[in-house]
Amino acid sequence: MNLRDAALDDAARLEEIRIAAWLAAYAGKAERDVFDALTRDPDGGIQVWREMIEGGHGITSIRVVEDAGEICGFCAVAAPSRDRDEAQGVAEIVALYVDPEMHRRGYGRALLDDAIEHLRAADWKAVTVWTLEDNFRSLPLYASRGFRHDGSTRTDRGWFVADVRLRVAL
């Protein structure tokens, strides 16, 4: 297992993992058009990843985990958080996805620990992450690292399940 910064050449694989992860984890939790939008413009999604790798969209770091030379998952961080109600010193895990065919191998845990370690080293005070309130795959992972619901909830148009914001002090 190897963790490294994402490179522009990784953009297509990041979009592939994101789509596969959404389809596996969120099926039945949103209106059909939310999922249709995932595959409507794959080149557009790849371009957005390239922009984020270069620091666009408020993203300050994208790390990937590889095994045998294949990218298995990634974690994108915004530091500071993109949430308008956050205090100074709070970062945000924007995306943490592992290829569904590679679940239960420790890749998500490695990515989360890597993000926390980098944020602590950079003197961030806390980190948040938004996840669906019934995301039973990710909630235990976040809880194992001390994340707790901070009381913030949002429901985006088209989704049947609310997002909850989890937080951990660093």
Protein backbone atom coordinates (compact mmCIF):
# COMPACT_ATOMS: atom_id res chain seq x y z
CA MET A 1 0.00 0.00 0.00
CA ASN A 2 1.33 3.41 -1.00
CA LEU A 3 -0.11 6.86 -0.26
CA ARG A 4 0.81 9.81 -2.47
CA ASP A 5 -0.46 13.11 -3.81
CA ALA A 6 -2.79 12.83 -6.79
CA ALA A 7 -1.38 13.75 -10.19
CA LEU A 8 -3.23 15.16 -13.19
CA ASP A 9 -2.98 11.76 -14.89
CA ASP A 10 -5.05 10.29 -12.02
CA ALA A 11 -8.16 12.37 -12.80
CA ALA A 12 -9.94 9.72 -14.90
CA ARG A 13 -9.43 7.04 -12.23
CA LEU A 14 -10.69 9.38 -9.48
CA GLU A 15 -13.87 10.02 -11.45
CA GLU A 16 -14.27 6.27 -12.11
CA ILE A 17 -13.96 5.51 -8.38
CA ARG A 18 -16.34 8.34 -7.43
CA ILE A 19 -19.03 7.11 -9.82
CA ALA A 20 -18.67 3.47 -8.74
CA ALA A 21 -18.72 4.44 -5.05
CA TRP A 22 -21.81 6.63 -5.46
CA LEU A 23 -23.69 3.92 -7.33
CA ALA A 24 -22.78 1.32 -4.70
CA ALA A 25 -23.32 3.41 -1.56
CA TYR A 26 -26.15 5.75 -2.47
CA ALA A 27 -28.48 3.62 -4.60
CA GLY A 28 -32.09 4.31 -3.60
CA LYS A 29 -31.12 7.35 -1.53
CA ALA A 30 -31.66 9.97 -4.22
CA GLU A 31 -33.84 10.73 -7.19
CA ARG A 32 -32.83 9.09 -10.46
CA ASP A 33 -31.63 12.36 -12.02
CA VAL A 34 -28.92 12.64 -9.34
CA PHE A 35 -27.43 9.37 -10.60
CA ASP A 36 -28.05 10.17 -14.26
CA ALA A 37 -25.94 13.30 -13.83
CA LEU A 38 -23.00 11.12 -12.72
CA THR A 39 -22.52 9.60 -16.15
CA ARG A 40 -23.96 12.34 -18.36
CA ASP A 41 -20.59 14.08 -18.88
CA PRO A 42 -17.66 11.90 -17.80
CA ASP A 43 -15.16 14.21 -19.53
CA GLY A 44 -16.55 17.12 -17.52
CA GLY A 45 -16.08 15.15 -14.30
CA ILE A 46 -12.50 14.35 -15.23
CA GLN A 47 -11.85 18.03 -15.93
CA VAL A 48 -13.22 18.98 -12.51
CA TRP A 49 -10.82 16.49 -10.90
CA ARG A 50 -7.93 18.05 -12.81
CA GLU A 51 -8.98 21.46 -11.53
CA MET A 52 -9.19 20.15 -7.97
CA ILE A 53 -5.78 18.46 -8.22
CA GLU A 54 -4.40 21.86 -9.21
CA GLY A 55 -6.03 23.47 -6.15
CA GLY A 56 -9.35 24.62 -7.61
CA HIS A 57 -12.78 24.48 -5.96
CA GLY A 58 -11.26 25.15 -2.53
CA ILE A 59 -9.44 21.79 -2.50
CA THR A 60 -5.99 21.96 -0.94
CA SER A 61 -5.01 18.29 -1.06
CA ILE A 62 -5.98 15.10 -2.86
CA ARG A 63 -4.20 11.96 -1.76
CA VAL A 64 -4.54 8.55 -3.36
CA VAL A 65 -3.88 5.08 -2.03
CA GLU A 66 -2.33 2.57 -4.41
CA ASP A 67 -1.83 -1.15 -4.17
CA ALA A 68 0.28 -2.98 -6.74
CA GLY A 69 0.38 0.24 -8.78
CA GLU A 70 -3.42 0.60 -8.98
CA ILE A 71 -5.29 3.50 -7.39
CA CYS A 72 -7.77 1.99 -4.94
CA GLY A 73 -9.19 5.15 -3.37
CA PHE A 74 -8.69 8.82 -2.63
CA CYS A 75 -9.27 11.56 -0.09
CA ALA A 76 -9.81 15.24 -0.94
CA VAL A 77 -9.37 17.93 1.72
CA ALA A 78 -10.26 21.61 1.86
CA ALA A 79 -8.28 23.59 4.41
CA PRO A 80 -9.96 25.77 5.48
CA SER A 81 -13.41 24.22 5.38
CA ARG A 82 -15.73 25.40 2.63
CA ASP A 83 -18.61 25.68 5.13
CA ARG A 84 -19.45 29.33 5.81
CA ASP A 85 -20.37 28.68 9.44
CA GLU A 86 -16.99 27.19 10.38
CA ALA A 87 -14.51 28.89 12.67
CA GLN A 88 -10.95 29.61 11.70
CA GLY A 89 -8.69 26.58 11.97
CA VAL A 90 -11.25 23.99 10.79
CA ALA A 91 -10.54 21.85 7.71
CA GLU A 92 -12.96 19.64 5.79
CA ILE A 93 -12.68 16.19 4.27
CA VAL A 94 -14.57 16.80 1.06
CA ALA A 95 -14.45 13.28 -0.38
CA LEU A 96 -13.22 9.90 0.84
CA TYR A 97 -13.95 7.11 -1.61
CA VAL A 98 -12.63 3.61 -2.17
CA ASP A 99 -13.37 1.50 -5.23
CA PRO A 100 -16.29 -0.72 -4.11
CA GLU A 101 -14.48 -3.79 -5.44
CA MET A 102 -11.66 -3.04 -2.99
CA HIS A 103 -13.60 -2.42 0.23
CA ARG A 104 -12.61 -3.95 3.57
CA ARG A 105 -8.87 -3.89 2.86
CA GLY A 106 -7.92 -0.89 5.00
CA TYR A 107 -7.65 1.67 2.19
CA GLY A 108 -10.29 4.03 3.61
CA ARG A 109 -8.73 3.84 7.08
CA ALA A 110 -5.27 4.56 5.62
CA LEU A 111 -6.59 7.58 3.70
CA LEU A 112 -8.45 8.96 6.71
CA ASP A 113 -5.45 8.52 9.01
CA ASP A 114 -3.21 10.17 6.40
CA ALA A 115 -5.53 13.19 6.14
CA ILE A 116 -5.73 13.57 9.92
CA GLU A 117 -1.95 13.27 10.27
CA HIS A 118 -1.30 15.93 7.60
CA LEU A 119 -3.86 18.32 9.12
CA ARG A 120 -2.42 17.89 12.63
CA ALA A 121 1.09 18.53 11.31
CA ALA A 122 -0.17 21.75 9.70
CA ASP A 123 -1.73 22.87 13.04
CA TRP A 124 -5.39 22.66 12.04
CA LYS A 125 -7.62 22.61 15.12
CA ALA A 126 -10.41 20.35 13.85
CA VAL A 127 -11.66 18.58 10.74
CA THR A 128 -15.21 17.92 9.57
CA VAL A 129 -16.81 15.61 7.03
CA TRP A 130 -20.35 15.46 5.65
CA THR A 131 -21.86 12.00 5.18
CA LEU A 132 -25.33 10.57 4.80
CA GLU A 133 -26.94 9.92 8.17
CA ASP A 134 -27.44 6.27 7.20
CA ASN A 135 -24.05 5.67 5.56
CA PHE A 136 -23.45 2.52 7.56
CA ARG A 137 -20.18 1.77 5.77
CA SER A 138 -18.45 5.04 6.62
CA LEU A 139 -19.99 5.99 9.98
CA PRO A 140 -18.09 3.31 11.97
CA LEU A 141 -14.81 4.32 10.32
CA TYR A 142 -15.29 7.97 11.24
CA ALA A 143 -16.42 7.07 14.77
CA SER A 144 -13.30 4.93 15.24
CA ARG A 145 -11.22 8.08 14.68
CA GLY A 146 -13.23 10.19 17.10
CA PHE A 147 -15.63 11.92 14.71
CA ARG A 148 -18.99 12.81 16.24
CA HIS A 149 -22.11 14.48 14.86
CA ASP A 150 -21.84 18.20 15.60
CA GLY A 151 -25.59 18.86 15.24
CA SER A 152 -25.45 20.21 11.67
CA THR A 153 -27.70 18.57 9.10
CA ARG A 154 -28.54 19.41 5.50
CA THR A 155 -30.81 17.95 2.88
CA ASP A 156 -29.87 18.63 -0.71
CA ARG A 157 -32.52 18.74 -3.39
CA GLY A 158 -33.04 15.31 -4.91
CA TRP A 159 -31.77 13.34 -1.90
CA PHE A 160 -34.06 11.26 0.31
CA VAL A 161 -31.57 11.05 3.19
CA ALA A 162 -29.99 13.93 5.09
CA ASP A 163 -26.29 14.67 5.37
CA VAL A 164 -24.84 15.04 8.85
CA ARG A 165 -21.64 16.87 9.65
CA LEU A 166 -19.15 14.94 11.75
CA ARG A 167 -16.26 16.61 13.56
CA VAL A 168 -13.11 15.68 15.42
CA ALA A 169 -10.68 17.94 17.28
CA LEU A 170 -7.08 17.52 16.21
